[in-house]
Amino acid sequence: MDKDLIYKYAPILLVGIAIVFQYNLFVTPEKLEHTHREILSEIAQVYITKSEFGNMKEQLIDINKKIDKIYDTLINERKQDGFNKN
């Protein structure tokens, strides 16, 4: 290689390297892991897991069954007392 060619393209190469370091174009594994953990913690705060959803669904079904029983009991008591004469 000719020294003139190296001197000609050295400033361009230095500017390219400076841009890479200044704007952090390449991510280190540590930064990537840190960002990954931040994303996971934010997701855990906002969303629930599939098992938690299943548990909540079961609880809602149980609550609905209990409300139906209470409603049926009230209807039967009102029929026995003679309030609902149809």
Protein backbone atom coordinates (compact mmCIF):
# COMPACT_ATOMS: atom_id res chain seq x y z
CA MET A 1 0.00 0.00 0.00
CA ASP A 2 1.13 3.46 -0.74
CA LYS A 3 1.54 5.95 2.12
CA ASP A 4 -0.24 8.63 0.11
CA LEU A 5 -3.30 6.43 -0.13
CA ILE A 6 -3.27 5.88 3.65
CA TYR A 7 -2.90 9.62 4.30
CA LYS A 8 -5.71 10.35 1.84
CA TYR A 9 -8.30 8.06 3.53
CA ALA A 10 -7.16 8.31 7.16
CA PRO A 11 -9.43 11.30 8.03
CA ILE A 12 -12.47 9.52 6.62
CA LEU A 13 -11.62 6.40 8.62
CA LEU A 14 -11.13 8.44 11.82
CA VAL A 15 -14.47 10.22 11.32
CA GLY A 16 -16.17 6.86 10.81
CA ILE A 17 -14.67 5.43 14.00
CA ALA A 18 -15.59 8.59 15.94
CA ILE A 19 -19.21 8.36 14.76
CA VAL A 20 -19.39 4.72 15.81
CA PHE A 21 -18.18 5.53 19.32
CA GLN A 22 -20.12 8.78 19.69
CA TYR A 23 -23.52 7.39 18.75
CA ASN A 24 -22.98 3.94 20.31
CA LEU A 25 -23.85 2.14 17.10
CA PHE A 26 -22.66 -1.17 18.50
CA VAL A 27 -24.24 -2.46 21.67
CA THR A 28 -22.23 -4.26 24.30
CA PRO A 29 -23.70 -7.44 25.79
CA GLU A 30 -23.88 -5.77 29.23
CA LYS A 31 -25.99 -2.90 27.92
CA LEU A 32 -28.18 -5.31 26.01
CA GLU A 33 -28.77 -7.45 29.11
CA HIS A 34 -29.53 -4.36 31.19
CA THR A 35 -32.09 -3.13 28.64
CA HIS A 36 -33.60 -6.61 28.43
CA ARG A 37 -34.11 -6.72 32.21
CA GLU A 38 -35.69 -3.24 32.18
CA ILE A 39 -38.15 -4.32 29.50
CA LEU A 40 -39.04 -7.49 31.42
CA SER A 41 -39.66 -5.55 34.64
CA GLU A 42 -41.90 -3.05 32.84
CA ILE A 43 -43.87 -5.87 31.24
CA ALA A 44 -44.26 -7.61 34.61
CA GLN A 45 -45.74 -4.42 36.08
CA VAL A 46 -48.28 -3.95 33.29
CA TYR A 47 -49.34 -7.43 32.24
CA ILE A 48 -50.31 -10.61 34.10
CA THR A 49 -49.16 -14.13 33.38
CA LYS A 50 -51.31 -16.81 31.82
CA SER A 51 -51.57 -18.73 35.11
CA GLU A 52 -52.66 -15.59 36.98
CA PHE A 53 -55.31 -14.99 34.33
CA GLY A 54 -56.56 -18.55 34.74
CA ASN A 55 -56.78 -18.10 38.52
CA MET A 56 -58.68 -14.83 38.13
CA LYS A 57 -61.04 -16.46 35.64
CA GLU A 58 -61.78 -19.28 38.10
CA GLN A 59 -62.44 -16.76 40.86
CA LEU A 60 -64.85 -14.84 38.63
CA ILE A 61 -66.68 -18.05 37.76
CA ASP A 62 -67.00 -18.88 41.48
CA ILE A 63 -68.27 -15.38 42.24
CA ASN A 64 -70.81 -15.65 39.42
CA LYS A 65 -72.05 -19.01 40.77
CA LYS A 66 -72.43 -17.55 44.27
CA ILE A 67 -74.33 -14.54 42.94
CA ASP A 68 -76.64 -16.89 41.02
CA LYS A 69 -77.30 -18.88 44.20
CA ILE A 70 -78.09 -15.70 46.14
CA TYR A 71 -80.41 -14.55 43.35
CA ASP A 72 -82.20 -17.90 43.28
CA THR A 73 -82.57 -17.87 47.07
CA LEU A 74 -84.07 -14.37 47.02
CA ILE A 75 -86.47 -15.32 44.23
CA ASN A 76 -87.58 -18.44 46.11
CA GLU A 77 -88.13 -16.50 49.34
CA ARG A 78 -90.19 -13.87 47.55
CA LYS A 79 -92.31 -16.59 45.93
CA GLN A 80 -92.86 -18.24 49.31
CA ASP A 81 -93.86 -14.93 50.90
CA GLY A 82 -96.28 -14.22 48.08
CA PHE A 83 -94.64 -11.08 46.71
CA ASN A 84 -94.30 -12.40 43.15
CA LYS A 85 -97.77 -13.41 42.11
CA ASN A 86 -97.74 -13.94 38.37
